[in-house]
Amino acid sequence: MIMKICTLECFFKRLNIQDIMHKARLLIVVIFLFPLNVFSQQDAWSLERCIQYAIDNNISIKQQELNTDYQKNQVLSSKMSVLPNVNASAYQNFTFGRSVDMYTNEFSEDNTSSLNADISARMDLFNGFRKYHEIKKSQLNLEAGMQDLERAKNDVSVAIANAFFNVLFNLELLDISRSQVATTRNQVENTEKLVDAGSLAQGNLLEVKSQLANEELQLVSAENTLEMAYLNLKQLLELDTVKTFRILAPGMDAIEETQLLPEAYQVYLEAKMTMPEVEAAQLNLEMAREDIAIAQSGRYPSLSLSASYGSGYSDARQEVDEVVPADPIPIGYAINQDNGGEIFDVYQYNFDYTYRTKPFSDQVRDNASTSISLGLSIPIFNGWQVNSSVANAKINYQSAKYNLESTRKQLLKEIQQAHADARAAMKKYLATEKALEAMQESFRYTEKKFNVGLVTSLEYNTAKSQLNNTESELLQAKYEFVFKQKILDFYRGKPITLSQ
C-alpha cells in the first residue's frame, strides 16, 4: 500500500494538475460517447439500405408489381383459349293445362313436368392464326410490364440517391458553417484582447461581432436546410415512424485530375442494351407487329368443331304396366261349311291396360342424342372493318417505331448531359481546389495582419467570406461530380452504391 502511494505521488509530480484534468475529461468523453457513436453508426441508414428499402416499400413499385401479376394472368388466359369450350346445362320445366310433350309429341291435358340436360363442346380448329398471335402479344406485354417495373425501380433509386447526396452535401456544409462560427468566435476573443490592449479600435470589434452574428444566422439556415433535406429523403422513403432518422456518411476520396470518365457514346452503347425504357419500347414495337397479324387474321376463313350430348325426362311419357283380360263380347256369328253349315257365335276378346310413368333411367337412355358438327365461316364482306383494323394496326406500328427511336435519342441526350455535367463538375472542383489553397493562404496572411492592426475588419471579413464561398463551391462541385459519375455507372448497368 505504501509503495502504491509513493507511485501515485511520483505520478502527480511528473504530471501537472491541468494535464490530469484534461486527460480525465478526454477519458470520460470517450467512455460515454463510444457506445453512443457505435449505436448511431449501427442505426444510420446507408445509401444502399435507403435504395433497397424504397424498392421494397414504394407504393408505385407495388402497383406496378400488381400490374405485372395481372399481365401474367392474361398470358395464362390467352394460352387456355386454345382449349375447347365445354358447357353443361339443365332445364326443369313445369306445364299446366293442354300442351304438347316434347318427348311424346302428343297432347297432354294434365299438368306435366320435364327435365332436359345437355353437355356441349366447341373448339376452333383454324382462325387465321389469331390465337397464336394473341398468345405471343400477351407474352410480349408481360415482358414489357416487367421492364416498366424495372424502370420504376430505377427511377426510385435515382431519386433516393439524389436526395441522399443532397443530405451529404448539407451535412458537410453544416460542418463548414460550424467551423466558420468557431473561427470567428476565436477572432472575437482575440479582437477583444487587442481592443483592451489598445492595439485596435472598438469599431473593429463591433464589425467582427457583426460578422459572427451573420455567420450564426447562416449556421441556423444551414441546419434548417439539412433538416429539409432529411425530410425530403424520408418522404421519398415514405417513412412515418422513424423519428431519429440519420444517414451513414461514407468517406469519399478526393477527385484527382487523372480520374477518367467513360466516353458518353460508349456508355450509350451499353445503356441501350440494358436500360428498361429502351427494352420496353422495343417490346411495344413487337406487340404492334403482332397487332397487325391479329388484324389480318380477319381475312382468313375460320374452321370450328362442335359436339354435344343431351337427354331428358318427362312425367307425361307413359308405358304399359299390366294387361288384364276382359269378358268376351259377341260380335256376330260364323258358319262352318265343313260341318254341315253349323252356325256358332263369334266373340271379341278385349284387354284392360294399366299405365305408369316410364322410369327416369330408361327415358334418359331412350331420349339420348349425340351430335358432331364441323363449321366453316368464310368472310366475304364485313363493312370494311378488317381493312380498317389492319390500316390502324400499321399506323400504330409506325408510331411504335418512332417511340423506340425517340426513347433511344432521349437516353443518349441524358447520358451526354450527365457526362458533360460530370466533366464540368470535375473541372470546377480541380480549379476551385487550387483556388481554395491560395485563398486559405491569403486568409491566414490577412488574419495575421488583422491581429496586428494592419488591415481593417472589413478587409478581414471580406477575405473570410471569399474563403467560405470557395469552400462551399468546392463542396458543391465534389458532390455534383460524384453523383453524375454514379449516374453514368448506373447507365452502364452498375448499381448505385457508395461502398468502398
Protein backbone atom coordinates (compact mmCIF):
# COMPACT_ATOMS: atom_id res chain seq x y z
CA MET A 1 0.00 0.00 0.00
CA ILE A 2 2.87 2.38 0.82
CA MET A 3 4.55 1.59 -2.49
CA LYS A 4 1.32 2.38 -4.34
CA ILE A 5 1.04 5.74 -2.59
CA CYS A 6 4.62 6.54 -3.44
CA THR A 7 3.95 5.62 -7.03
CA LEU A 8 0.95 7.92 -7.18
CA GLU A 9 2.96 10.72 -5.62
CA CYS A 10 5.65 10.27 -8.24
CA PHE A 11 3.00 10.23 -10.93
CA PHE A 12 1.46 13.50 -9.75
CA LYS A 13 4.90 15.06 -9.62
CA ARG A 14 5.51 14.13 -13.25
CA LEU A 15 2.11 15.41 -14.45
CA ASN A 16 0.66 18.74 -13.51
CA ILE A 17 -2.95 19.09 -12.43
CA GLN A 18 -4.10 20.63 -15.72
CA ASP A 19 -2.79 17.71 -17.72
CA ILE A 20 -4.55 15.28 -15.40
CA MET A 21 -7.87 17.11 -15.68
CA HIS A 22 -7.55 17.37 -19.44
CA LYS A 23 -6.88 13.65 -19.84
CA ALA A 24 -9.67 12.78 -17.43
CA ARG A 25 -12.14 14.79 -19.48
CA LEU A 26 -10.98 13.04 -22.64
CA LEU A 27 -11.39 9.67 -20.95
CA ILE A 28 -14.94 10.50 -19.82
CA VAL A 29 -15.86 11.69 -23.31
CA VAL A 30 -14.50 8.50 -24.87
CA ILE A 31 -16.29 6.29 -22.33
CA PHE A 32 -19.68 7.97 -22.78
CA LEU A 33 -19.56 8.75 -26.48
CA PHE A 34 -18.09 5.49 -27.76
CA PRO A 35 -21.21 3.34 -27.25
CA LEU A 36 -23.37 6.20 -28.45
CA ASN A 37 -21.27 6.51 -31.59
CA VAL A 38 -21.42 2.77 -32.18
CA PHE A 39 -25.18 2.82 -31.75
CA SER A 40 -25.61 5.74 -34.11
CA GLN A 41 -23.44 4.06 -36.73
CA GLN A 42 -25.48 0.88 -36.45
CA ASP A 43 -28.78 2.76 -36.67
CA ALA A 44 -27.67 5.03 -39.51
CA TRP A 45 -29.01 4.35 -42.99
CA SER A 46 -26.54 3.78 -45.80
CA LEU A 47 -27.34 4.68 -49.41
CA GLU A 48 -27.72 1.01 -50.28
CA ARG A 49 -30.16 0.48 -47.41
CA CYS A 50 -32.22 3.50 -48.42
CA ILE A 51 -32.47 2.35 -52.03
CA GLN A 52 -33.41 -1.22 -51.08
CA TYR A 53 -35.99 -0.02 -48.56
CA ALA A 54 -37.57 2.26 -51.15
CA ILE A 55 -37.71 -0.55 -53.72
CA ASP A 56 -39.34 -2.88 -51.20
CA ASN A 57 -41.90 -0.39 -49.89
CA ASN A 58 -42.60 2.19 -52.57
CA ILE A 59 -46.31 2.26 -53.44
CA SER A 60 -45.76 2.99 -57.14
CA ILE A 61 -43.50 -0.04 -57.41
CA LYS A 62 -46.06 -2.21 -55.60
CA GLN A 63 -48.75 -1.03 -58.03
CA GLN A 64 -46.51 -1.89 -60.96
CA GLU A 65 -45.92 -5.33 -59.43
CA LEU A 66 -49.70 -5.83 -59.29
CA ASN A 67 -49.91 -4.81 -62.94
CA THR A 68 -47.26 -7.42 -63.75
CA ASP A 69 -49.26 -10.08 -61.90
CA TYR A 70 -52.33 -9.08 -63.91
CA GLN A 71 -50.36 -9.47 -67.15
CA LYS A 72 -49.25 -12.95 -66.05
CA ASN A 73 -52.90 -13.90 -65.71
CA GLN A 74 -53.53 -12.51 -69.21
CA VAL A 75 -50.80 -14.76 -70.61
CA LEU A 76 -52.37 -17.81 -68.93
CA SER A 77 -55.81 -16.81 -70.21
CA SER A 78 -54.59 -16.44 -73.80
CA LYS A 79 -52.91 -19.85 -73.68
CA MET A 80 -56.00 -21.50 -72.26
CA SER A 81 -58.15 -20.01 -75.02
CA VAL A 82 -56.88 -22.65 -77.48
CA LEU A 83 -58.59 -25.37 -75.45
CA PRO A 84 -62.20 -26.38 -76.21
CA ASN A 85 -65.10 -24.59 -74.56
CA VAL A 86 -67.13 -27.16 -72.64
CA ASN A 87 -70.50 -26.22 -71.16
CA ALA A 88 -73.28 -28.16 -69.46
CA SER A 89 -76.89 -27.06 -68.98
CA ALA A 90 -80.06 -28.42 -67.41
CA TYR A 91 -83.66 -27.16 -67.52
CA GLN A 92 -86.61 -28.17 -65.40
CA ASN A 93 -89.98 -27.32 -66.99
CA PHE A 94 -93.48 -27.29 -65.47
CA THR A 95 -96.52 -27.21 -67.81
CA PHE A 96 -100.07 -26.55 -66.70
CA GLY A 97 -103.02 -27.39 -68.95
CA ARG A 98 -103.08 -28.57 -72.55
CA SER A 99 -99.66 -28.84 -74.16
CA VAL A 100 -97.57 -30.96 -76.48
CA ASP A 101 -94.98 -33.01 -74.70
CA MET A 102 -91.60 -32.64 -76.38
CA TYR A 103 -90.69 -36.27 -75.79
CA THR A 104 -94.04 -38.00 -76.61
CA ASN A 105 -95.09 -35.44 -79.24
CA GLU A 106 -98.65 -35.90 -78.00
CA PHE A 107 -101.18 -33.56 -76.48
CA SER A 108 -101.44 -33.73 -72.75
CA GLU A 109 -104.31 -32.38 -70.70
CA ASP A 110 -102.64 -32.91 -67.35
CA ASN A 111 -100.04 -30.85 -65.56
CA THR A 112 -96.64 -32.18 -66.52
CA SER A 113 -93.02 -31.64 -65.65
CA SER A 114 -89.96 -32.39 -67.73
CA LEU A 115 -86.20 -32.22 -67.39
CA ASN A 116 -83.70 -31.91 -70.18
CA ALA A 117 -79.90 -31.65 -69.89
CA ASP A 118 -77.03 -31.47 -72.32
CA ILE A 119 -73.28 -31.00 -72.48
CA SER A 120 -71.57 -29.35 -75.44
CA ALA A 121 -68.07 -28.57 -76.58
CA ARG A 122 -66.67 -26.26 -79.23
CA MET A 123 -63.14 -25.81 -80.46
CA ASP A 124 -61.60 -23.52 -83.06
CA LEU A 125 -59.52 -25.56 -85.48
CA PHE A 126 -58.32 -22.60 -87.54
CA ASN A 127 -58.93 -18.87 -87.26
CA GLY A 128 -56.14 -17.31 -89.29
CA PHE A 129 -53.56 -17.92 -86.51
CA ARG A 130 -55.31 -15.25 -84.46
CA LYS A 131 -54.94 -17.02 -81.13
CA TYR A 132 -51.28 -17.77 -81.80
CA HIS A 133 -50.52 -14.10 -82.26
CA GLU A 134 -52.67 -13.16 -79.26
CA ILE A 135 -50.61 -15.50 -77.08
CA LYS A 136 -47.38 -14.03 -78.40
CA LYS A 137 -48.66 -10.50 -77.82
CA SER A 138 -49.66 -11.28 -74.24
CA GLN A 139 -46.18 -12.67 -73.56
CA LEU A 140 -44.59 -9.55 -75.02
CA ASN A 141 -46.93 -7.41 -72.93
CA LEU A 142 -45.80 -9.26 -69.79
CA GLU A 143 -42.15 -8.69 -70.66
CA ALA A 144 -42.85 -5.00 -71.30
CA GLY A 145 -44.60 -4.79 -67.94
CA MET A 146 -41.57 -6.30 -66.22
CA GLN A 147 -39.37 -3.70 -67.93
CA ASP A 148 -41.72 -0.98 -66.73
CA LEU A 149 -41.31 -2.41 -63.23
CA GLU A 150 -37.52 -2.22 -63.56
CA ARG A 151 -37.80 1.33 -64.84
CA ALA A 152 -39.90 2.27 -61.81
CA LYS A 153 -37.22 0.78 -59.55
CA ASN A 154 -34.53 2.72 -61.43
CA ASP A 155 -36.44 5.99 -61.11
CA VAL A 156 -36.86 5.45 -57.38
CA SER A 157 -33.17 4.52 -57.00
CA VAL A 158 -32.01 7.69 -58.78
CA ALA A 159 -34.40 9.87 -56.78
CA ILE A 160 -33.23 8.33 -53.49
CA ALA A 161 -29.57 8.72 -54.50
CA ASN A 162 -30.11 12.36 -55.42
CA ALA A 163 -31.81 13.06 -52.08
CA PHE A 164 -29.11 11.12 -50.21
CA PHE A 165 -26.31 13.11 -51.85
CA ASN A 166 -28.20 16.30 -51.04
CA VAL A 167 -28.17 15.32 -47.36
CA LEU A 168 -24.44 14.53 -47.54
CA PHE A 169 -23.78 17.90 -49.16
CA ASN A 170 -25.74 19.76 -46.49
CA LEU A 171 -24.05 17.78 -43.72
CA GLU A 172 -20.62 18.93 -44.86
CA LEU A 173 -21.96 22.43 -45.50
CA LEU A 174 -23.17 22.49 -41.90
CA ASP A 175 -19.73 21.39 -40.70
CA ILE A 176 -18.17 24.23 -42.68
CA SER A 177 -20.63 26.72 -41.15
CA ARG A 178 -19.85 25.47 -37.65
CA SER A 179 -16.14 25.73 -38.33
CA GLN A 180 -16.62 29.28 -39.59
CA VAL A 181 -18.56 30.26 -36.50
CA ALA A 182 -15.91 28.71 -34.24
CA THR A 183 -13.15 30.56 -36.08
CA THR A 184 -14.99 33.86 -35.87
CA ARG A 185 -15.66 33.38 -32.15
CA ASN A 186 -11.96 32.90 -31.58
CA GLN A 187 -11.36 36.00 -33.62
CA VAL A 188 -13.83 37.92 -31.45
CA GLU A 189 -11.90 36.85 -28.34
CA ASN A 190 -8.58 37.87 -29.90
CA THR A 191 -10.01 41.17 -31.08
CA GLU A 192 -11.36 41.91 -27.59
CA LYS A 193 -7.86 41.39 -26.20
CA LEU A 194 -6.36 43.67 -28.85
CA VAL A 195 -9.00 46.33 -28.18
CA ASP A 196 -8.40 46.09 -24.43
CA ALA A 197 -4.68 46.42 -25.10
CA GLY A 198 -5.32 49.49 -27.27
CA SER A 199 -3.95 47.89 -30.43
CA LEU A 200 -7.29 48.04 -32.29
CA ALA A 201 -10.20 50.43 -32.26
CA GLN A 202 -13.58 49.48 -30.76
CA GLY A 203 -15.15 49.59 -34.24
CA ASN A 204 -13.10 46.60 -35.36
CA LEU A 205 -14.56 44.54 -32.52
CA LEU A 206 -18.09 45.58 -33.44
CA GLU A 207 -17.57 44.61 -37.07
CA VAL A 208 -16.17 41.20 -36.09
CA LYS A 209 -19.14 40.62 -33.78
CA SER A 210 -21.43 41.62 -36.62
CA GLN A 211 -19.69 39.06 -38.80
CA LEU A 212 -20.17 36.45 -36.06
CA ALA A 213 -23.89 37.24 -35.83
CA ASN A 214 -24.20 36.90 -39.62
CA GLU A 215 -22.37 33.55 -39.60
CA GLU A 216 -24.51 32.27 -36.72
CA LEU A 217 -27.56 33.16 -38.80
CA GLN A 218 -26.05 31.24 -41.72
CA LEU A 219 -25.44 28.32 -39.36
CA VAL A 220 -29.14 28.27 -38.40
CA SER A 221 -30.02 28.43 -42.08
CA ALA A 222 -27.67 25.51 -42.81
CA GLU A 223 -29.28 23.48 -40.01
CA ASN A 224 -32.75 24.17 -41.42
CA THR A 225 -31.62 23.27 -44.92
CA LEU A 226 -30.21 19.99 -43.63
CA GLU A 227 -33.47 19.20 -41.85
CA MET A 228 -35.39 19.88 -45.07
CA ALA A 229 -33.00 17.59 -46.97
CA TYR A 230 -33.61 14.88 -44.39
CA LEU A 231 -37.36 15.45 -44.65
CA ASN A 232 -37.24 15.11 -48.43
CA LEU A 233 -35.33 11.84 -48.15
CA LYS A 234 -37.74 10.49 -45.52
CA GLN A 235 -40.71 11.40 -47.70
CA LEU A 236 -39.20 9.60 -50.67
CA LEU A 237 -38.66 6.59 -48.41
CA GLU A 238 -42.23 7.04 -47.13
CA LEU A 239 -41.04 6.79 -43.54
CA ASP A 240 -43.54 7.86 -40.90
CA THR A 241 -42.38 6.23 -37.68
CA VAL A 242 -38.60 6.79 -37.80
CA LYS A 243 -38.08 9.98 -35.81
CA THR A 244 -34.30 9.78 -35.30
CA PHE A 245 -33.55 9.05 -38.95
CA ARG A 246 -29.92 9.67 -39.85
CA ILE A 247 -27.78 8.58 -42.76
CA LEU A 248 -24.39 6.91 -42.76
CA ALA A 249 -21.93 9.34 -44.29
CA PRO A 250 -19.14 7.38 -46.01
CA GLY A 251 -15.69 8.73 -46.61
CA MET A 252 -15.06 9.97 -50.14
CA ASP A 253 -11.74 10.10 -51.90
CA ALA A 254 -10.58 13.38 -53.34
CA ILE A 255 -11.15 13.91 -57.04
CA GLU A 256 -7.92 13.56 -58.99
CA GLU A 257 -7.08 15.24 -62.26
CA THR A 258 -6.14 11.87 -63.75
CA GLN A 259 -9.55 10.41 -62.91
CA LEU A 260 -11.07 9.31 -66.21
CA LEU A 261 -14.70 9.27 -67.26
CA PRO A 262 -16.01 6.79 -69.83
CA GLU A 263 -16.92 8.22 -73.20
CA ALA A 264 -20.55 9.27 -73.44
CA TYR A 265 -21.28 7.28 -76.61
CA GLN A 266 -19.67 4.16 -75.14
CA VAL A 267 -21.95 4.50 -72.12
CA TYR A 268 -24.90 4.88 -74.50
CA LEU A 269 -23.99 1.72 -76.42
CA GLU A 270 -24.03 -0.21 -73.15
CA ALA A 271 -27.13 1.53 -71.80
CA LYS A 272 -29.38 0.97 -74.83
CA MET A 273 -28.86 -2.79 -74.44
CA THR A 274 -29.85 -2.87 -70.78
CA MET A 275 -31.96 0.15 -69.80
CA PRO A 276 -35.58 -0.95 -69.23
CA GLU A 277 -37.18 2.02 -71.02
CA VAL A 278 -35.44 1.02 -74.27
CA GLU A 279 -36.35 -2.64 -73.76
CA ALA A 280 -39.98 -1.68 -73.11
CA ALA A 281 -40.11 0.45 -76.27
CA GLN A 282 -38.64 -2.43 -78.29
CA LEU A 283 -41.24 -4.82 -76.86
CA ASN A 284 -44.02 -2.36 -77.65
CA LEU A 285 -42.81 -2.34 -81.26
CA GLU A 286 -43.00 -6.13 -81.39
CA MET A 287 -46.51 -6.03 -79.88
CA ALA A 288 -47.56 -3.58 -82.60
CA ARG A 289 -46.31 -6.08 -85.18
CA GLU A 290 -48.44 -8.79 -83.57
CA ASP A 291 -51.45 -6.45 -83.71
CA ILE A 292 -51.05 -6.30 -87.48
CA ALA A 293 -51.07 -10.10 -87.69
CA ILE A 294 -54.13 -10.27 -85.42
CA ALA A 295 -55.99 -7.76 -87.59
CA GLN A 296 -55.04 -9.62 -90.79
CA SER A 297 -56.40 -12.90 -89.37
CA GLY A 298 -59.89 -11.50 -90.01
CA ARG A 299 -59.33 -12.06 -93.75
CA TYR A 300 -58.97 -15.83 -93.39
CA PRO A 301 -61.73 -18.45 -93.15
CA SER A 302 -62.35 -19.97 -89.75
CA LEU A 303 -63.00 -23.63 -89.06
CA SER A 304 -64.56 -24.94 -85.87
CA LEU A 305 -65.60 -28.30 -84.45
CA SER A 306 -68.62 -28.74 -82.17
CA ALA A 307 -70.09 -31.73 -80.35
CA SER A 308 -72.99 -32.18 -77.96
CA TYR A 309 -74.77 -34.84 -75.99
CA GLY A 310 -78.20 -34.44 -74.39
CA SER A 311 -81.15 -36.27 -72.98
CA GLY A 312 -84.33 -35.63 -71.00
CA TYR A 313 -87.23 -36.88 -68.92
CA SER A 314 -90.99 -36.19 -68.87
CA ASP A 315 -93.60 -37.48 -66.50
CA ALA A 316 -96.12 -37.42 -69.39
CA ARG A 317 -94.39 -40.31 -71.07
CA GLN A 318 -96.24 -43.49 -70.09
CA GLU A 319 -95.73 -47.21 -70.59
CA VAL A 320 -97.97 -50.28 -70.07
CA ASP A 321 -97.74 -51.60 -66.59
CA GLU A 322 -100.23 -54.53 -66.62
CA VAL A 323 -102.57 -56.24 -69.18
CA VAL A 324 -105.86 -57.61 -67.72
CA PRO A 325 -108.20 -59.75 -69.99
CA ALA A 326 -111.83 -58.53 -70.11
CA ASP A 327 -115.09 -60.55 -70.66
CA PRO A 328 -115.63 -61.57 -74.31
CA ILE A 329 -118.23 -59.63 -76.27
CA PRO A 330 -120.28 -61.33 -79.06
CA ILE A 331 -119.82 -59.52 -82.30
CA GLY A 332 -121.59 -61.91 -84.73
CA TYR A 333 -121.68 -65.50 -85.90
CA ALA A 334 -119.85 -67.77 -88.31
CA ILE A 335 -120.91 -70.81 -90.45
CA ASN A 336 -118.77 -73.86 -90.52
CA GLN A 337 -119.17 -75.21 -94.03
CA ASP A 338 -117.20 -78.29 -93.29
CA ASN A 339 -119.58 -79.33 -90.58
CA GLY A 340 -122.84 -79.14 -92.47
CA GLY A 341 -123.31 -75.45 -92.17
CA GLU A 342 -123.12 -75.33 -88.37
CA ILE A 343 -123.53 -71.84 -87.01
CA PHE A 344 -121.56 -70.63 -83.97
CA ASP A 345 -121.14 -67.31 -82.23
CA VAL A 346 -118.07 -65.10 -82.67
CA TYR A 347 -116.71 -63.20 -79.66
CA GLN A 348 -114.21 -60.35 -79.34
CA TYR A 349 -111.68 -60.63 -76.57
CA ASN A 350 -110.70 -57.24 -75.00
CA PHE A 351 -107.93 -56.33 -72.63
CA ASP A 352 -107.70 -53.61 -69.94
CA TYR A 353 -104.39 -51.82 -69.56
CA THR A 354 -102.78 -50.02 -66.58
CA TYR A 355 -100.08 -47.40 -67.23
CA ARG A 356 -97.16 -45.91 -65.33
CA THR A 357 -94.61 -43.16 -65.96
CA LYS A 358 -91.60 -44.54 -67.75
CA PRO A 359 -88.58 -44.73 -65.36
CA PHE A 360 -86.06 -41.88 -65.38
CA SER A 361 -83.07 -44.08 -66.34
CA ASP A 362 -84.97 -45.59 -69.24
CA GLN A 363 -86.06 -42.20 -70.55
CA VAL A 364 -82.51 -40.79 -70.29
CA ARG A 365 -81.24 -43.74 -72.29
CA ASP A 366 -84.05 -43.63 -74.85
CA ASN A 367 -84.02 -39.82 -75.27
CA ALA A 368 -80.24 -39.53 -75.60
CA SER A 369 -78.98 -37.66 -78.65
CA THR A 370 -75.42 -37.00 -79.84
CA SER A 371 -74.27 -34.58 -82.49
CA ILE A 372 -70.99 -33.59 -84.08
CA SER A 373 -70.70 -30.64 -86.44
CA LEU A 374 -67.93 -29.01 -88.41
CA GLY A 375 -68.40 -25.31 -89.12
CA LEU A 376 -66.71 -23.22 -91.78
CA SER A 377 -67.04 -19.44 -91.94
CA ILE A 378 -65.70 -17.56 -94.94
CA PRO A 379 -65.52 -13.76 -94.66
CA ILE A 380 -66.83 -12.12 -97.83
CA PHE A 381 -67.75 -8.58 -96.86
CA ASN A 382 -67.87 -7.09 -93.36
CA GLY A 383 -68.27 -3.37 -93.88
CA TRP A 384 -64.55 -2.79 -94.47
CA GLN A 385 -63.87 -3.50 -90.77
CA VAL A 386 -60.93 -5.82 -91.35
CA ASN A 387 -59.19 -3.43 -93.74
CA SER A 388 -59.68 -0.56 -91.29
CA SER A 389 -58.29 -2.65 -88.43
CA VAL A 390 -55.23 -3.61 -90.48
CA ALA A 391 -54.61 0.01 -91.50
CA ASN A 392 -54.89 1.22 -87.91
CA ALA A 393 -52.55 -1.53 -86.71
CA LYS A 394 -49.94 -0.46 -89.26
CA ILE A 395 -50.26 3.15 -88.10
CA ASN A 396 -49.71 2.05 -84.51
CA TYR A 397 -46.68 0.03 -85.61
CA GLN A 398 -45.13 3.09 -87.25
CA SER A 399 -45.86 5.10 -84.10
CA ALA A 400 -44.14 2.43 -82.00
CA LYS A 401 -41.07 2.68 -84.26
CA TYR A 402 -40.93 6.43 -83.72
CA ASN A 403 -41.37 5.94 -80.00
CA LEU A 404 -38.43 3.50 -79.89
CA GLU A 405 -36.26 5.93 -81.83
CA SER A 406 -37.31 8.80 -79.57
CA THR A 407 -36.56 6.75 -76.45
CA ARG A 408 -33.07 5.94 -77.68
CA LYS A 409 -32.37 9.57 -78.56
CA GLN A 410 -33.67 10.73 -75.19
CA LEU A 411 -31.40 8.21 -73.47
CA LEU A 412 -28.42 9.49 -75.47
CA LYS A 413 -29.26 13.09 -74.51
CA GLU A 414 -29.48 12.17 -70.82
CA ILE A 415 -26.15 10.37 -70.93
CA GLN A 416 -24.47 13.21 -72.82
CA GLN A 417 -25.84 15.72 -70.32
CA ALA A 418 -24.70 13.63 -67.34
CA HIS A 419 -21.27 13.20 -68.93
CA ALA A 420 -20.96 16.93 -69.63
CA ASP A 421 -22.12 17.78 -66.09
CA ALA A 422 -19.59 15.35 -64.62
CA ARG A 423 -16.73 16.82 -66.68
CA ALA A 424 -17.75 20.35 -65.79
CA ALA A 425 -18.01 19.45 -62.10
CA MET A 426 -14.59 17.81 -62.18
CA LYS A 427 -13.00 20.86 -63.84
CA LYS A 428 -14.76 23.15 -61.38
CA TYR A 429 -13.60 21.02 -58.46
CA LEU A 430 -9.97 20.97 -59.58
CA ALA A 431 -9.96 24.70 -60.27
CA THR A 432 -11.73 25.51 -57.00
CA GLU A 433 -9.37 23.24 -55.09
CA LYS A 434 -6.39 25.25 -56.32
CA ALA A 435 -8.22 28.48 -55.65
CA LEU A 436 -9.05 27.31 -52.14
CA GLU A 437 -5.42 26.58 -51.36
CA ALA A 438 -4.47 30.07 -52.45
CA MET A 439 -7.47 31.55 -50.63
CA GLN A 440 -6.57 29.76 -47.39
CA GLU A 441 -3.01 31.02 -47.55
CA SER A 442 -4.24 34.53 -48.33
CA PHE A 443 -6.73 34.43 -45.46
CA ARG A 444 -4.06 33.30 -42.97
CA TYR A 445 -1.91 36.20 -44.08
CA THR A 446 -4.85 38.62 -43.80
CA GLU A 447 -5.73 37.23 -40.37
CA LYS A 448 -2.18 37.83 -39.11
CA LYS A 449 -2.24 41.38 -40.46
CA PHE A 450 -5.65 41.97 -38.86
CA ASN A 451 -4.37 40.78 -35.49
CA VAL A 452 -1.65 43.42 -35.56
CA GLY A 453 -3.95 46.13 -36.92
CA LEU A 454 -2.53 46.34 -40.44
CA VAL A 455 -5.88 45.64 -42.16
CA THR A 456 -9.39 46.71 -41.29
CA SER A 457 -12.13 44.41 -40.08
CA LEU A 458 -13.94 44.99 -43.37
CA GLU A 459 -11.00 43.61 -45.32
CA TYR A 460 -10.78 40.70 -42.89
CA ASN A 461 -14.48 39.88 -43.21
CA THR A 462 -14.28 40.14 -46.99
CA ALA A 463 -11.38 37.70 -47.11
CA LYS A 464 -13.20 35.32 -44.78
CA SER A 465 -16.42 35.48 -46.85
CA GLN A 466 -14.46 34.71 -50.00
CA LEU A 467 -12.87 31.73 -48.29
CA ASN A 468 -16.27 30.48 -47.11
CA ASN A 469 -17.78 30.80 -50.58
CA THR A 470 -14.84 28.96 -52.12
CA GLU A 471 -15.22 26.10 -49.64
CA SER A 472 -18.94 25.85 -50.46
CA GLU A 473 -18.26 25.86 -54.21
CA LEU A 474 -15.65 23.11 -53.78
CA LEU A 475 -18.08 21.02 -51.78
CA GLN A 476 -20.85 21.50 -54.32
CA ALA A 477 -18.57 20.58 -57.23
CA LYS A 478 -17.42 17.44 -55.41
CA TYR A 479 -20.88 16.08 -54.79
CA GLU A 480 -22.11 17.03 -58.23
CA PHE A 481 -19.22 15.15 -59.80
CA VAL A 482 -19.66 12.07 -57.60
CA PHE A 483 -23.42 11.96 -58.25
CA LYS A 484 -23.07 12.32 -62.03
CA GLN A 485 -20.31 9.72 -62.02
CA LYS A 486 -22.63 7.32 -60.20
CA ILE A 487 -25.35 8.07 -62.75
CA LEU A 488 -23.01 7.22 -65.63
CA ASP A 489 -22.10 3.95 -63.91
CA PHE A 490 -25.81 3.33 -63.38
CA TYR A 491 -26.43 3.68 -67.12
CA ARG A 492 -23.75 1.06 -67.66
CA GLY A 493 -25.69 -1.40 -65.51
CA LYS A 494 -23.90 -0.89 -62.19
CA PRO A 495 -25.97 -0.39 -59.02
CA ILE A 496 -25.77 2.97 -57.26
CA THR A 497 -23.59 2.44 -54.22
CA LEU A 498 -21.10 4.29 -52.04
CA SER A 499 -19.36 1.16 -50.78
CA GLN A 500 -15.64 1.37 -50.97
